[in-house]
Protein backbone atom coordinates (compact mmCIF):
# COMPACT_ATOMS: atom_id res chain seq x y z
CA MET A 1 -17.11 -0.53 -12.24
CA LEU A 2 -17.83 0.02 -8.54
CA THR A 3 -18.94 3.33 -7.05
CA LEU A 4 -17.52 4.54 -3.74
CA GLU A 5 -20.61 3.27 -1.92
CA GLU A 6 -20.34 -0.17 -3.53
CA LEU A 7 -16.63 -0.29 -2.74
CA LYS A 8 -17.34 0.46 0.94
CA ASN A 9 -19.36 -2.75 1.07
CA ASN A 10 -16.66 -4.90 -0.57
CA ARG A 11 -14.41 -5.64 2.41
CA LYS A 12 -12.32 -8.19 0.57
CA LEU A 13 -11.40 -5.67 -2.11
CA VAL A 14 -10.80 -2.82 0.36
CA ASN A 15 -8.53 -5.08 2.42
CA SER A 16 -6.48 -5.92 -0.68
CA VAL A 17 -5.55 -2.28 -1.44
CA ASP A 18 -1.82 -1.56 -1.40
CA TRP A 19 -1.87 1.92 0.14
CA LYS A 20 1.86 2.41 -0.53
CA MET A 21 1.65 1.70 -4.26
CA THR A 22 1.92 4.66 -6.62
CA PRO A 23 1.35 4.77 -10.38
CA GLU A 24 5.10 5.21 -10.91
CA GLU A 25 5.96 2.23 -8.71
CA ALA A 26 3.36 0.08 -10.46
CA VAL A 27 4.86 0.84 -13.86
CA ARG A 28 8.34 0.11 -12.56
CA LEU A 29 7.29 -3.20 -10.99
CA TYR A 30 4.98 -4.55 -13.67
CA LEU A 31 6.14 -3.01 -16.93
CA GLU A 32 9.87 -2.51 -16.48
CA TRP A 33 10.89 -6.12 -15.95
CA GLY A 34 14.29 -6.52 -14.34
CA ASN A 35 14.09 -3.17 -12.58
CA ASN A 36 12.11 -4.33 -9.58
CA TRP A 37 14.77 -5.47 -7.15
CA SER A 38 14.91 -2.29 -5.09
CA ARG A 39 11.43 -2.15 -3.57
CA GLU A 40 11.95 -1.81 0.17
CA ASP A 41 9.42 -4.48 1.18
CA GLY A 42 11.14 -7.04 -1.03
CA TYR A 43 8.14 -7.63 -3.32
CA ILE A 44 9.22 -9.00 -6.69
CA VAL A 45 6.96 -9.66 -9.66
CA ARG A 46 7.54 -13.22 -10.77
CA SER A 47 4.70 -13.80 -13.22
CA LYS A 48 1.53 -12.33 -14.69
CA SER A 49 -0.42 -13.83 -11.80
CA ASP A 50 1.22 -11.27 -9.47
CA TYR A 51 -0.77 -8.04 -9.18
CA SER A 52 -1.35 -4.94 -7.09
CA ILE A 53 -4.52 -3.04 -6.28
CA TYR A 54 -4.08 0.68 -5.68
CA PHE A 55 -5.72 4.09 -6.07
CA VAL A 56 -4.84 6.90 -8.47
CA ILE A 57 -6.20 10.36 -9.23
CA ASN A 58 -6.88 10.99 -12.91
CA SER A 59 -6.76 14.71 -13.71
CA TRP A 60 -6.81 14.56 -17.50
CA HIS A 61 -10.34 15.96 -17.66
CA LYS A 62 -12.75 17.70 -15.29
CA PRO A 63 -14.34 16.44 -13.21
CA TYR A 64 -11.34 14.66 -11.72
CA TYR A 65 -11.78 11.05 -10.64
CA ILE A 66 -10.25 8.59 -8.23
CA TYR A 67 -9.78 5.13 -9.71
CA LEU A 68 -9.05 1.83 -8.03
CA ILE A 69 -6.71 -0.06 -10.34
CA LYS A 70 -5.70 -3.72 -10.48
CA ARG A 71 -2.41 -4.02 -12.38
CA ASN A 72 -0.33 -6.98 -13.45
CA SER A 73 2.32 -7.26 -16.14
CA GLU A 74 -0.28 -7.54 -18.90
CA GLU A 75 -2.96 -4.99 -18.08
CA ALA A 76 -4.42 -2.39 -15.74
CA VAL A 77 -8.12 -2.87 -14.97
CA GLU A 78 -10.26 -0.09 -13.47
CA LEU A 79 -12.25 -1.63 -10.60
CA SER A 80 -13.83 1.49 -9.13
CA LYS A 81 -14.34 5.12 -10.16
CA PHE A 82 -15.70 8.04 -8.19
CA GLU A 83 -15.38 11.80 -8.34
CA LEU A 84 -12.55 13.49 -6.46
CA PRO A 85 -14.11 15.66 -3.74
CA GLY A 86 -13.66 19.32 -4.68
CA ARG A 87 -11.76 20.19 -1.52
CA PHE A 88 -8.93 17.89 -2.67
CA ALA A 89 -8.61 19.34 -6.19
CA LYS A 90 -5.39 21.12 -5.31
CA PRO A 91 -3.43 23.23 -7.79
CA GLY A 92 -1.48 20.12 -8.86
CA CYS A 93 -4.62 18.80 -10.52
CA ASN A 94 -4.34 21.66 -13.00
CA LEU A 95 -1.53 19.64 -14.57
CA LYS A 96 -2.99 16.80 -16.59
CA GLY A 97 -1.87 13.38 -15.42
CA VAL A 98 -2.31 10.40 -13.12
CA TYR A 99 -1.19 10.82 -9.53
CA ALA A 100 -0.90 8.87 -6.29
CA LEU A 101 -3.15 9.65 -3.34
CA GLU A 102 -1.29 11.58 -0.66
CA GLY A 103 -1.76 13.35 2.65
CA GLU A 104 -5.24 14.44 3.67
CA LEU A 105 -6.88 12.84 0.63
CA LYS A 106 -5.36 9.45 1.40
CA GLU A 107 -6.40 9.72 5.06
CA TRP A 108 -9.93 10.80 4.09
CA LEU A 109 -10.34 7.82 1.75
CA LYS A 110 -9.02 5.35 4.33
CA LYS A 111 -11.57 6.71 6.78
CA GLU A 112 -14.38 6.53 4.19
CA LEU A 113 -13.52 2.90 3.47
CA ASN A 114 -12.87 2.02 7.11
CA ALA A 115 -9.43 0.79 6.03
CA ASP A 116 -6.22 0.36 7.99
């Protein structure tokens, strides 16, 4: 699994990140077959060779981590894992779960990865 520093040096992977994808949208697209017609960009999953690469925050246990996930209809593979910077551990992280990157955190990570 890649660290943040290793990920910074993997331009191909960074460029393949879907910054709009959320954990909820990924489940809807890849695991709830037949319920994927409404995505605004028109993306439709046609087979298990279709996949998305996206970030999530995992706040099940401290320390909290950011994961880069590659999901298709068969599996979700963790490609990268690094600790969530403390300044972004907002009160919402007190609720255990998996969340999308938003706001300042998303902008910080894009800057760190020289993405966009």
